[in-house]
Amino acid sequence: MLELDIDVRENGRVVRPHGRLTMVSARPFRERVTQEIAAAGESPVIVDLSDVAFIDSSGLGALVACLKTARQGGGDLRLAAPSEQVTMVLGLTNLDRVLRPRATVQDALDG
């Protein structure tokens, strides 16, 4: 079984990973989200983290890299519905201040 599966919906605007975002899965995750960012142009891309059971420093690095890529292209990357573990890690690292997760996908889509 793969460490992380990724679904894309809303015409590429919502990326929903399922599983563990770790050193093993961070690179393919970053590559997939980067593809969606390129296709979205200046529209924001939402990463729905509700089904991410675990995230480590490599996963956090992938999220920050995707945010940087999106902003360099004039777009944005928004996190939505982080699981309890992801919320805890974002808070402990203070990345919740940079990545500013929203409670729901709809909140993230609305801006």
PDB file of N, CA and C in Angstrom:
ATOM      1  N   MET A   1       0.838  -1.199   0.000  1.00  0.00           N
ATOM      2  CA  MET A   1       0.000   0.000   0.000  1.00  0.00           C
ATOM      3  C   MET A   1       0.876   1.253   0.000  1.00  0.00           C
ATOM      4  N   LEU A   2       0.446   2.234  -0.747  1.00  0.00           N
ATOM      5  CA  LEU A   2       1.184   3.488  -0.797  1.00  0.00           C
ATOM      6  C   LEU A   2       1.072   4.224   0.530  1.00  0.00           C
ATOM      7  N   GLU A   3       2.093   4.982   0.840  1.00  0.00           N
ATOM      8  CA  GLU A   3       2.092   5.796   2.049  1.00  0.00           C
ATOM      9  C   GLU A   3       1.053   6.912   1.956  1.00  0.00           C
ATOM     10  N   LEU A   4       0.848   7.433   0.734  1.00  0.00           N
ATOM     11  CA  LEU A   4      -0.055   8.568   0.549  1.00  0.00           C
ATOM     12  C   LEU A   4      -0.731   8.462  -0.815  1.00  0.00           C
ATOM     13  N   ASP A   5      -2.057   8.530  -0.821  1.00  0.00           N
ATOM     14  CA  ASP A   5      -2.826   8.638  -2.057  1.00  0.00           C
ATOM     15  C   ASP A   5      -3.275  10.089  -2.181  1.00  0.00           C
ATOM     16  N   ILE A   6      -3.449  10.549  -3.414  1.00  0.00           N
ATOM     17  CA  ILE A   6      -3.847  11.940  -3.633  1.00  0.00           C
ATOM     18  C   ILE A   6      -5.016  11.991  -4.603  1.00  0.00           C
ATOM     19  N   ASP A   7      -6.105  12.614  -4.167  1.00  0.00           N
ATOM     20  CA  ASP A   7      -7.253  12.875  -5.030  1.00  0.00           C
ATOM     21  C   ASP A   7      -7.245  14.361  -5.380  1.00  0.00           C
ATOM     22  N   VAL A   8      -7.685  14.669  -6.582  1.00  0.00           N
ATOM     23  CA  VAL A   8      -7.785  16.066  -7.008  1.00  0.00           C
ATOM     24  C   VAL A   8      -9.205  16.287  -7.492  1.00  0.00           C
ATOM     25  N   ARG A   9      -9.836  17.373  -7.023  1.00  0.00           N
ATOM     26  CA  ARG A   9     -11.203  17.675  -7.448  1.00  0.00           C
ATOM     27  C   ARG A   9     -11.367  19.184  -7.618  1.00  0.00           C
ATOM     28  N   GLU A  10     -12.564  19.586  -7.964  1.00  0.00           N
ATOM     29  CA  GLU A  10     -12.863  21.009  -8.214  1.00  0.00           C
ATOM     30  C   GLU A  10     -11.937  21.568  -9.298  1.00  0.00           C
ATOM     31  N   ASN A  11     -11.788  20.809 -10.384  1.00  0.00           N
ATOM     32  CA  ASN A  11     -10.932  21.239 -11.502  1.00  0.00           C
ATOM     33  C   ASN A  11      -9.511  21.564 -11.072  1.00  0.00           C
ATOM     34  N   GLY A  12      -8.967  20.750 -10.166  1.00  0.00           N
ATOM     35  CA  GLY A  12      -7.591  20.934  -9.732  1.00  0.00           C
ATOM     36  C   GLY A  12      -7.410  21.923  -8.612  1.00  0.00           C
ATOM     37  N   ARG A  13      -8.493  22.521  -8.170  1.00  0.00           N
ATOM     38  CA  ARG A  13      -8.355  23.519  -7.105  1.00  0.00           C
ATOM     39  C   ARG A  13      -8.240  22.895  -5.732  1.00  0.00           C
ATOM     40  N   VAL A  14      -8.699  21.660  -5.555  1.00  0.00           N
ATOM     41  CA  VAL A  14      -8.630  21.010  -4.249  1.00  0.00           C
ATOM     42  C   VAL A  14      -7.833  19.712  -4.372  1.00  0.00           C
ATOM     43  N   VAL A  15      -6.754  19.635  -3.631  1.00  0.00           N
ATOM     44  CA  VAL A  15      -5.909  18.447  -3.585  1.00  0.00           C
ATOM     45  C   VAL A  15      -6.134  17.808  -2.219  1.00  0.00           C
ATOM     46  N   ARG A  16      -6.496  16.507  -2.227  1.00  0.00           N
ATOM     47  CA  ARG A  16      -6.801  15.846  -0.961  1.00  0.00           C
ATOM     48  C   ARG A  16      -5.916  14.614  -0.791  1.00  0.00           C
ATOM     49  N   PRO A  17      -4.844  14.756  -0.018  1.00  0.00           N
ATOM     50  CA  PRO A  17      -4.009  13.584   0.264  1.00  0.00           C
ATOM     51  C   PRO A  17      -4.664  12.707   1.334  1.00  0.00           C
ATOM     52  N   HIS A  18      -4.422  11.398   1.231  1.00  0.00           N
ATOM     53  CA  HIS A  18      -4.944  10.424   2.192  1.00  0.00           C
ATOM     54  C   HIS A  18      -3.769   9.589   2.695  1.00  0.00           C
ATOM     55  N   GLY A  19      -3.530   9.598   3.996  1.00  0.00           N
ATOM     56  CA  GLY A  19      -2.466   8.758   4.549  1.00  0.00           C
ATOM     57  C   GLY A  19      -1.476   9.555   5.370  1.00  0.00           C
ATOM     58  N   ARG A  20      -0.213   9.259   5.140  1.00  0.00           N
ATOM     59  CA  ARG A  20       0.868   9.855   5.921  1.00  0.00           C
ATOM     60  C   ARG A  20       1.745  10.717   5.014  1.00  0.00           C
ATOM     61  N   LEU A  21       1.950  11.951   5.393  1.00  0.00           N
ATOM     62  CA  LEU A  21       2.793  12.880   4.628  1.00  0.00           C
ATOM     63  C   LEU A  21       4.149  12.921   5.315  1.00  0.00           C
ATOM     64  N   THR A  22       5.042  12.076   4.830  1.00  0.00           N
ATOM     65  CA  THR A  22       6.349  11.875   5.473  1.00  0.00           C
ATOM     66  C   THR A  22       7.474  11.998   4.455  1.00  0.00           C
ATOM     67  N   MET A  23       8.677  11.701   4.913  1.00  0.00           N
ATOM     68  CA  MET A  23       9.847  11.729   4.048  1.00  0.00           C
ATOM     69  C   MET A  23       9.630  10.881   2.791  1.00  0.00           C
ATOM     70  N   VAL A  24       8.952   9.766   2.925  1.00  0.00           N
ATOM     71  CA  VAL A  24       8.714   8.855   1.803  1.00  0.00           C
ATOM     72  C   VAL A  24       7.768   9.468   0.774  1.00  0.00           C
ATOM     73  N   SER A  25       6.738  10.155   1.238  1.00  0.00           N
ATOM     74  CA  SER A  25       5.707  10.656   0.333  1.00  0.00           C
ATOM     75  C   SER A  25       5.816  12.143   0.010  1.00  0.00           C
ATOM     76  N   ALA A  26       6.702  12.864   0.674  1.00  0.00           N
ATOM     77  CA  ALA A  26       6.772  14.322   0.512  1.00  0.00           C
ATOM     78  C   ALA A  26       7.112  14.732  -0.925  1.00  0.00           C
ATOM     79  N   ARG A  27       8.063  14.056  -1.539  1.00  0.00           N
ATOM     80  CA  ARG A  27       8.465  14.459  -2.890  1.00  0.00           C
ATOM     81  C   ARG A  27       7.350  14.248  -3.915  1.00  0.00           C
ATOM     82  N   PRO A  28       6.727  13.039  -3.979  1.00  0.00           N
ATOM     83  CA  PRO A  28       5.624  12.904  -4.937  1.00  0.00           C
ATOM     84  C   PRO A  28       4.453  13.833  -4.628  1.00  0.00           C
ATOM     85  N   PHE A  29       4.193  14.085  -3.352  1.00  0.00           N
ATOM     86  CA  PHE A  29       3.143  15.036  -2.982  1.00  0.00           C
ATOM     87  C   PHE A  29       3.477  16.423  -3.517  1.00  0.00           C
ATOM     88  N   ARG A  30       4.701  16.882  -3.278  1.00  0.00           N
ATOM     89  CA  ARG A  30       5.120  18.214  -3.727  1.00  0.00           C
ATOM     90  C   ARG A  30       5.029  18.318  -5.250  1.00  0.00           C
ATOM     91  N   GLU A  31       5.445  17.273  -5.954  1.00  0.00           N
ATOM     92  CA  GLU A  31       5.393  17.292  -7.413  1.00  0.00           C
ATOM     93  C   GLU A  31       3.957  17.386  -7.921  1.00  0.00           C
ATOM     94  N   ARG A  32       3.050  16.637  -7.297  1.00  0.00           N
ATOM     95  CA  ARG A  32       1.646  16.654  -7.726  1.00  0.00           C
ATOM     96  C   ARG A  32       1.002  18.007  -7.448  1.00  0.00           C
ATOM     97  N   VAL A  33       1.247  18.555  -6.263  1.00  0.00           N
ATOM     98  CA  VAL A  33       0.668  19.854  -5.931  1.00  0.00           C
ATOM     99  C   VAL A  33       1.255  20.936  -6.829  1.00  0.00           C
ATOM    100  N   THR A  34       2.533  20.844  -7.142  1.00  0.00           N
ATOM    101  CA  THR A  34       3.168  21.815  -8.036  1.00  0.00           C
ATOM    102  C   THR A  34       2.517  21.782  -9.424  1.00  0.00           C
ATOM    103  N   GLN A  35       2.153  20.589  -9.904  1.00  0.00           N
ATOM    104  CA  GLN A  35       1.439  20.477 -11.188  1.00  0.00           C
ATOM    105  C   GLN A  35       0.100  21.213 -11.121  1.00  0.00           C
ATOM    106  N   GLU A  36      -0.600  21.026 -10.033  1.00  0.00           N
ATOM    107  CA  GLU A  36      -1.903  21.674  -9.885  1.00  0.00           C
ATOM    108  C   GLU A  36      -1.752  23.192  -9.752  1.00  0.00           C
ATOM    109  N   ILE A  37      -0.709  23.641  -9.078  1.00  0.00           N
ATOM    110  CA  ILE A  37      -0.435  25.079  -8.941  1.00  0.00           C
ATOM    111  C   ILE A  37      -0.181  25.681 -10.324  1.00  0.00           C
ATOM    112  N   ALA A  38       0.627  24.986 -11.128  1.00  0.00           N
ATOM    113  CA  ALA A  38       0.934  25.479 -12.472  1.00  0.00           C
ATOM    114  C   ALA A  38      -0.339  25.571 -13.316  1.00  0.00           C
ATOM    115  N   ALA A  39      -1.209  24.577 -13.191  1.00  0.00           N
ATOM    116  CA  ALA A  39      -2.449  24.568 -13.962  1.00  0.00           C
ATOM    117  C   ALA A  39      -3.435  25.628 -13.465  1.00  0.00           C
ATOM    118  N   ALA A  40      -3.400  25.922 -12.177  1.00  0.00           N
ATOM    119  CA  ALA A  40      -4.356  26.878 -11.589  1.00  0.00           C
ATOM    120  C   ALA A  40      -3.994  28.327 -11.878  1.00  0.00           C
ATOM    121  N   GLY A  41      -2.744  28.585 -12.220  1.00  0.00           N
ATOM    122  CA  GLY A  41      -2.323  29.959 -12.474  1.00  0.00           C
ATOM    123  C   GLY A  41      -2.416  30.797 -11.216  1.00  0.00           C
ATOM    124  N   GLU A  42      -3.193  31.863 -11.273  1.00  0.00           N
ATOM    125  CA  GLU A  42      -3.302  32.755 -10.113  1.00  0.00           C
ATOM    126  C   GLU A  42      -4.417  32.350  -9.155  1.00  0.00           C
ATOM    127  N   SER A  43      -5.167  31.307  -9.483  1.00  0.00           N
ATOM    128  CA  SER A  43      -6.211  30.823  -8.578  1.00  0.00           C
ATOM    129  C   SER A  43      -5.572  30.050  -7.423  1.00  0.00           C
ATOM    130  N   PRO A  44      -6.149  30.136  -6.251  1.00  0.00           N
ATOM    131  CA  PRO A  44      -5.584  29.392  -5.124  1.00  0.00           C
ATOM    132  C   PRO A  44      -5.798  27.887  -5.260  1.00  0.00           C
ATOM    133  N   VAL A  45      -4.856  27.127  -4.746  1.00  0.00           N
ATOM    134  CA  VAL A  45      -4.979  25.675  -4.661  1.00  0.00           C
ATOM    135  C   VAL A  45      -5.180  25.341  -3.185  1.00  0.00           C
ATOM    136  N   ILE A  46      -6.170  24.500  -2.912  1.00  0.00           N
ATOM    137  CA  ILE A  46      -6.505  24.121  -1.547  1.00  0.00           C
ATOM    138  C   ILE A  46      -5.958  22.719  -1.284  1.00  0.00           C
ATOM    139  N   VAL A  47      -5.288  22.537  -0.162  1.00  0.00           N
ATOM    140  CA  VAL A  47      -4.851  21.207   0.258  1.00  0.00           C
ATOM    141  C   VAL A  47      -5.727  20.806   1.441  1.00  0.00           C
ATOM    142  N   ASP A  48      -6.600  19.846   1.192  1.00  0.00           N
ATOM    143  CA  ASP A  48      -7.529  19.335   2.204  1.00  0.00           C
ATOM    144  C   ASP A  48      -6.790  18.274   3.023  1.00  0.00           C
ATOM    145  N   LEU A  49      -6.449  18.604   4.256  1.00  0.00           N
ATOM    146  CA  LEU A  49      -5.648  17.724   5.104  1.00  0.00           C
ATOM    147  C   LEU A  49      -6.483  16.869   6.056  1.00  0.00           C
ATOM    148  N   SER A  50      -7.774  16.760   5.822  1.00  0.00           N
ATOM    149  CA  SER A  50      -8.642  16.034   6.748  1.00  0.00           C
ATOM    150  C   SER A  50      -8.319  14.548   6.842  1.00  0.00           C
ATOM    151  N   ASP A  51      -7.742  13.957   5.791  1.00  0.00           N
ATOM    152  CA  ASP A  51      -7.404  12.535   5.811  1.00  0.00           C
ATOM    153  C   ASP A  51      -5.914  12.267   5.958  1.00  0.00           C
ATOM    154  N   VAL A  52      -5.152  13.268   6.376  1.00  0.00           N
ATOM    155  CA  VAL A  52      -3.728  13.061   6.637  1.00  0.00           C
ATOM    156  C   VAL A  52      -3.585  12.693   8.110  1.00  0.00           C
ATOM    157  N   ALA A  53      -3.224  11.439   8.351  1.00  0.00           N
ATOM    158  CA  ALA A  53      -3.147  10.924   9.719  1.00  0.00           C
ATOM    159  C   ALA A  53      -1.872  11.347  10.430  1.00  0.00           C
ATOM    160  N   PHE A  54      -0.825  11.649   9.649  1.00  0.00           N
ATOM    161  CA  PHE A  54       0.474  11.960  10.247  1.00  0.00           C
ATOM    162  C   PHE A  54       1.265  12.833   9.291  1.00  0.00           C
ATOM    163  N   ILE A  55       1.979  13.802   9.852  1.00  0.00           N
ATOM    164  CA  ILE A  55       2.881  14.634   9.054  1.00  0.00           C
ATOM    165  C   ILE A  55       4.185  14.787   9.818  1.00  0.00           C
ATOM    166  N   ASP A  56       5.308  14.716   9.105  1.00  0.00           N
ATOM    167  CA  ASP A  56       6.609  14.925   9.741  1.00  0.00           C
ATOM    168  C   ASP A  56       7.268  16.165   9.132  1.00  0.00           C
ATOM    169  N   SER A  57       8.518  16.390   9.481  1.00  0.00           N
ATOM    170  CA  SER A  57       9.203  17.604   9.019  1.00  0.00           C
ATOM    171  C   SER A  57       9.334  17.653   7.495  1.00  0.00           C
ATOM    172  N   SER A  58       9.483  16.504   6.858  1.00  0.00           N
ATOM    173  CA  SER A  58       9.554  16.481   5.399  1.00  0.00           C
ATOM    174  C   SER A  58       8.215  16.884   4.782  1.00  0.00           C
ATOM    175  N   GLY A  59       7.140  16.435   5.393  1.00  0.00           N
ATOM    176  CA  GLY A  59       5.810  16.834   4.928  1.00  0.00           C
ATOM    177  C   GLY A  59       5.580  18.324   5.099  1.00  0.00           C
ATOM    178  N   LEU A  60       6.021  18.857   6.250  1.00  0.00           N
ATOM    179  CA  LEU A  60       5.911  20.302   6.471  1.00  0.00           C
ATOM    180  C   LEU A  60       6.728  21.063   5.444  1.00  0.00           C
ATOM    181  N   GLY A  61       7.924  20.562   5.160  1.00  0.00           N
ATOM    182  CA  GLY A  61       8.777  21.195   4.157  1.00  0.00           C
ATOM    183  C   GLY A  61       8.126  21.208   2.786  1.00  0.00           C
ATOM    184  N   ALA A  62       7.424  20.127   2.452  1.00  0.00           N
ATOM    185  CA  ALA A  62       6.725  20.057   1.165  1.00  0.00           C
ATOM    186  C   ALA A  62       5.612  21.101   1.102  1.00  0.00           C
ATOM    187  N   LEU A  63       4.871  21.264   2.200  1.00  0.00           N
ATOM    188  CA  LEU A  63       3.810  22.278   2.226  1.00  0.00           C
ATOM    189  C   LEU A  63       4.382  23.688   2.063  1.00  0.00           C
ATOM    190  N   VAL A  64       5.479  23.974   2.752  1.00  0.00           N
ATOM    191  CA  VAL A  64       6.096  25.298   2.660  1.00  0.00           C
ATOM    192  C   VAL A  64       6.633  25.526   1.242  1.00  0.00           C
ATOM    193  N   ALA A  65       7.252  24.506   0.646  1.00  0.00           N
ATOM    194  CA  ALA A  65       7.757  24.628  -0.726  1.00  0.00           C
ATOM    195  C   ALA A  65       6.620  24.888  -1.706  1.00  0.00           C
ATOM    196  N   CYS A  66       5.491  24.214  -1.511  1.00  0.00           N
ATOM    197  CA  CYS A  66       4.326  24.429  -2.389  1.00  0.00           C
ATOM    198  C   CYS A  66       3.766  25.837  -2.220  1.00  0.00           C
ATOM    199  N   LEU A  67       3.730  26.322  -0.994  1.00  0.00           N
ATOM    200  CA  LEU A  67       3.268  27.694  -0.743  1.00  0.00           C
ATOM    201  C   LEU A  67       4.166  28.690  -1.472  1.00  0.00           C
ATOM    202  N   LYS A  68       5.464  28.490  -1.377  1.00  0.00           N
ATOM    203  CA  LYS A  68       6.422  29.379  -2.038  1.00  0.00           C
ATOM    204  C   LYS A  68       6.228  29.347  -3.559  1.00  0.00           C
ATOM    205  N   THR A  69       6.067  28.157  -4.113  1.00  0.00           N
ATOM    206  CA  THR A  69       5.854  28.013  -5.554  1.00  0.00           C
ATOM    207  C   THR A  69       4.587  28.740  -5.993  1.00  0.00           C
ATOM    208  N   ALA A  70       3.508  28.556  -5.234  1.00  0.00           N
ATOM    209  CA  ALA A  70       2.240  29.200  -5.583  1.00  0.00           C
ATOM    210  C   ALA A  70       2.366  30.711  -5.547  1.00  0.00           C
ATOM    211  N   ARG A  71       2.970  31.228  -4.507  1.00  0.00           N
ATOM    212  CA  ARG A  71       3.078  32.685  -4.373  1.00  0.00           C
ATOM    213  C   ARG A  71       4.015  33.292  -5.408  1.00  0.00           C
ATOM    214  N   GLN A  72       5.059  32.565  -5.784  1.00  0.00           N
ATOM    215  CA  GLN A  72       5.955  33.067  -6.826  1.00  0.00           C
ATOM    216  C   GLN A  72       5.232  33.170  -8.169  1.00  0.00           C
ATOM    217  N   GLY A  73       4.218  32.324  -8.369  1.00  0.00           N
ATOM    218  CA  GLY A  73       3.450  32.351  -9.604  1.00  0.00           C
ATOM    219  C   GLY A  73       2.239  33.263  -9.541  1.00  0.00           C
ATOM    220  N   GLY A  74       2.110  34.016  -8.449  1.00  0.00           N
ATOM    221  CA  GLY A  74       0.995  34.939  -8.305  1.00  0.00           C
ATOM    222  C   GLY A  74      -0.261  34.310  -7.732  1.00  0.00           C
ATOM    223  N   GLY A  75      -0.175  33.056  -7.301  1.00  0.00           N
ATOM    224  CA  GLY A  75      -1.326  32.370  -6.729  1.00  0.00           C
ATOM    225  C   GLY A  75      -1.194  32.233  -5.219  1.00  0.00           C
ATOM    226  N   ASP A  76      -1.861  31.223  -4.685  1.00  0.00           N
ATOM    227  CA  ASP A  76      -1.820  30.986  -3.239  1.00  0.00           C
ATOM    228  C   ASP A  76      -2.059  29.505  -2.985  1.00  0.00           C
ATOM    229  N   LEU A  77      -1.581  29.044  -1.850  1.00  0.00           N
ATOM    230  CA  LEU A  77      -1.832  27.693  -1.373  1.00  0.00           C
ATOM    231  C   LEU A  77      -2.511  27.829  -0.020  1.00  0.00           C
ATOM    232  N   ARG A  78      -3.650  27.166   0.119  1.00  0.00           N
ATOM    233  CA  ARG A  78      -4.404  27.252   1.373  1.00  0.00           C
ATOM    234  C   ARG A  78      -4.621  25.861   1.925  1.00  0.00           C
ATOM    235  N   LEU A  79      -4.437  25.723   3.220  1.00  0.00           N
ATOM    236  CA  LEU A  79      -4.679  24.455   3.891  1.00  0.00           C
ATOM    237  C   LEU A  79      -6.089  24.459   4.457  1.00  0.00           C
ATOM    238  N   ALA A  80      -6.721  23.293   4.430  1.00  0.00           N
ATOM    239  CA  ALA A  80      -8.082  23.179   4.946  1.00  0.00           C
ATOM    240  C   ALA A  80      -8.229  21.908   5.781  1.00  0.00           C
ATOM    241  N   ALA A  81      -9.037  22.016   6.823  1.00  0.00           N
ATOM    242  CA  ALA A  81      -9.489  20.886   7.635  1.00  0.00           C
ATOM    243  C   ALA A  81      -8.365  19.965   8.114  1.00  0.00           C
ATOM    244  N   PRO A  82      -7.300  20.525   8.691  1.00  0.00           N
ATOM    245  CA  PRO A  82      -6.218  19.646   9.141  1.00  0.00           C
ATOM    246  C   PRO A  82      -6.692  18.712  10.260  1.00  0.00           C
ATOM    247  N   SER A  83      -6.184  17.485  10.226  1.00  0.00           N
ATOM    248  CA  SER A  83      -6.500  16.522  11.282  1.00  0.00           C
ATOM    249  C   SER A  83      -5.891  17.011  12.601  1.00  0.00           C
ATOM    250  N   GLU A  84      -6.245  16.350  13.673  1.00  0.00           N
ATOM    251  CA  GLU A  84      -5.752  16.752  14.993  1.00  0.00           C
ATOM    252  C   GLU A  84      -4.225  16.699  15.068  1.00  0.00           C
ATOM    253  N   GLN A  85      -3.618  15.642  14.535  1.00  0.00           N
ATOM    254  CA  GLN A  85      -2.157  15.520  14.579  1.00  0.00           C
ATOM    255  C   GLN A  85      -1.499  16.609  13.742  1.00  0.00           C
ATOM    256  N   VAL A  86      -2.032  16.880  12.572  1.00  0.00           N
ATOM    257  CA  VAL A  86      -1.467  17.916  11.706  1.00  0.00           C
ATOM    258  C   VAL A  86      -1.605  19.285  12.375  1.00  0.00           C
ATOM    259  N   THR A  87      -2.750  19.556  12.975  1.00  0.00           N
ATOM    260  CA  THR A  87      -2.961  20.817  13.681  1.00  0.00           C
ATOM    261  C   THR A  87      -1.947  20.989  14.802  1.00  0.00           C
ATOM    262  N   MET A  88      -1.695  19.912  15.547  1.00  0.00           N
ATOM    263  CA  MET A  88      -0.738  19.964  16.644  1.00  0.00           C
ATOM    264  C   MET A  88       0.675  20.279  16.131  1.00  0.00           C
ATOM    265  N   VAL A  89       1.082  19.605  15.073  1.00  0.00           N
ATOM    266  CA  VAL A  89       2.428  19.819  14.524  1.00  0.00           C
ATOM    267  C   VAL A  89       2.559  21.229  13.953  1.00  0.00           C
ATOM    268  N   LEU A  90       1.549  21.711  13.251  1.00  0.00           N
ATOM    269  CA  LEU A  90       1.593  23.075  12.733  1.00  0.00           C
ATOM    270  C   LEU A  90       1.730  24.083  13.876  1.00  0.00           C
ATOM    271  N   GLY A  91       1.006  23.854  14.964  1.00  0.00           N
ATOM    272  CA  GLY A  91       1.082  24.750  16.120  1.00  0.00           C
ATOM    273  C   GLY A  91       2.429  24.701  16.810  1.00  0.00           C
ATOM    274  N   LEU A  92       2.962  23.499  16.998  1.00  0.00           N
ATOM    275  CA  LEU A  92       4.256  23.351  17.674  1.00  0.00           C
ATOM    276  C   LEU A  92       5.396  24.007  16.900  1.00  0.00           C
ATOM    277  N   THR A  93       5.288  24.002  15.590  1.00  0.00           N
ATOM    278  CA  THR A  93       6.339  24.578  14.744  1.00  0.00           C
ATOM    279  C   THR A  93       6.068  26.030  14.367  1.00  0.00           C
ATOM    280  N   ASN A  94       4.917  26.559  14.816  1.00  0.00           N
ATOM    281  CA  ASN A  94       4.468  27.913  14.465  1.00  0.00           C
ATOM    282  C   ASN A  94       4.197  28.092  12.976  1.00  0.00           C
ATOM    283  N   LEU A  95       4.137  27.003  12.229  1.00  0.00           N
ATOM    284  CA  LEU A  95       3.815  27.111  10.808  1.00  0.00           C
ATOM    285  C   LEU A  95       2.343  27.413  10.582  1.00  0.00           C
ATOM    286  N   ASP A  96       1.532  27.265  11.626  1.00  0.00           N
ATOM    287  CA  ASP A  96       0.127  27.661  11.491  1.00  0.00           C
ATOM    288  C   ASP A  96       0.006  29.160  11.239  1.00  0.00           C
ATOM    289  N   ARG A  97       1.016  29.920  11.635  1.00  0.00           N
ATOM    290  CA  ARG A  97       1.015  31.367  11.378  1.00  0.00           C
ATOM    291  C   ARG A  97       1.333  31.691   9.924  1.00  0.00           C
ATOM    292  N   VAL A  98       2.110  30.826   9.294  1.00  0.00           N
ATOM    293  CA  VAL A  98       2.506  31.032   7.898  1.00  0.00           C
ATOM    294  C   VAL A  98       1.486  30.398   6.951  1.00  0.00           C
ATOM    295  N   LEU A  99       1.102  29.162   7.249  1.00  0.00           N
ATOM    296  CA  LEU A  99       0.219  28.407   6.366  1.00  0.00           C
ATOM    297  C   LEU A  99      -1.265  28.670   6.634  1.00  0.00           C
ATOM    298  N   ARG A 100      -1.597  29.191   7.810  1.00  0.00           N
ATOM    299  CA  ARG A 100      -2.943  29.616   8.198  1.00  0.00           C
ATOM    300  C   ARG A 100      -4.048  28.666   7.736  1.00  0.00           C
ATOM    301  N   PRO A 101      -4.113  27.487   8.320  1.00  0.00           N
ATOM    302  CA  PRO A 101      -5.149  26.529   7.916  1.00  0.00           C
ATOM    303  C   PRO A 101      -6.556  27.038   8.200  1.00  0.00           C
ATOM    304  N   ARG A 102      -7.485  26.699   7.307  1.00  0.00           N
ATOM    305  CA  ARG A 102      -8.901  27.033   7.484  1.00  0.00           C
ATOM    306  C   ARG A 102      -9.631  25.802   7.997  1.00  0.00           C
ATOM    307  N   ALA A 103     -10.757  26.011   8.655  1.00  0.00           N
ATOM    308  CA  ALA A 103     -11.504  24.912   9.281  1.00  0.00           C
ATOM    309  C   ALA A 103     -12.097  23.948   8.256  1.00  0.00           C
ATOM    310  N   THR A 104     -12.528  24.473   7.107  1.00  0.00           N
ATOM    311  CA  THR A 104     -13.165  23.637   6.089  1.00  0.00           C
ATOM    312  C   THR A 104     -12.632  23.986   4.704  1.00  0.00           C
ATOM    313  N   VAL A 105     -12.884  23.082   3.768  1.00  0.00           N
ATOM    314  CA  VAL A 105     -12.509  23.347   2.380  1.00  0.00           C
ATOM    315  C   VAL A 105     -13.258  24.568   1.852  1.00  0.00           C
ATOM    316  N   GLN A 106     -14.536  24.668   2.203  1.00  0.00           N
ATOM    317  CA  GLN A 106     -15.323  25.802   1.726  1.00  0.00           C
ATOM    318  C   GLN A 106     -14.759  27.129   2.241  1.00  0.00           C
ATOM    319  N   ASP A 107     -14.330  27.153   3.507  1.00  0.00           N
ATOM    320  CA  ASP A 107     -13.690  28.362   4.060  1.00  0.00           C
ATOM    321  C   ASP A 107     -12.449  28.722   3.251  1.00  0.00           C
ATOM    322  N   ALA A 108     -11.673  27.722   2.886  1.00  0.00           N
ATOM    323  CA  ALA A 108     -10.451  27.965   2.111  1.00  0.00           C
ATOM    324  C   ALA A 108     -10.782  28.438   0.702  1.00  0.00           C
ATOM    325  N   LEU A 109     -11.799  27.860   0.089  1.00  0.00           N
ATOM    326  CA  LEU A 109     -12.204  28.291  -1.241  1.00  0.00           C
ATOM    327  C   LEU A 109     -12.721  29.726  -1.232  1.00  0.00           C
ATOM    328  N   ASP A 110     -13.420  30.089  -0.151  1.00  0.00           N
ATOM    329  CA  ASP A 110     -13.970  31.433  -0.036  1.00  0.00           C
ATOM    330  C   ASP A 110     -12.902  32.487   0.255  1.00  0.00           C
ATOM    331  N   GLY A 111     -11.753  32.030   0.709  1.00  0.00           N
ATOM    332  CA  GLY A 111     -10.657  32.960   0.955  1.00  0.00           C
ATOM    333  C   GLY A 111     -10.550  33.356   2.376  1.00  0.00           C
TER     334      GLY A 111
END
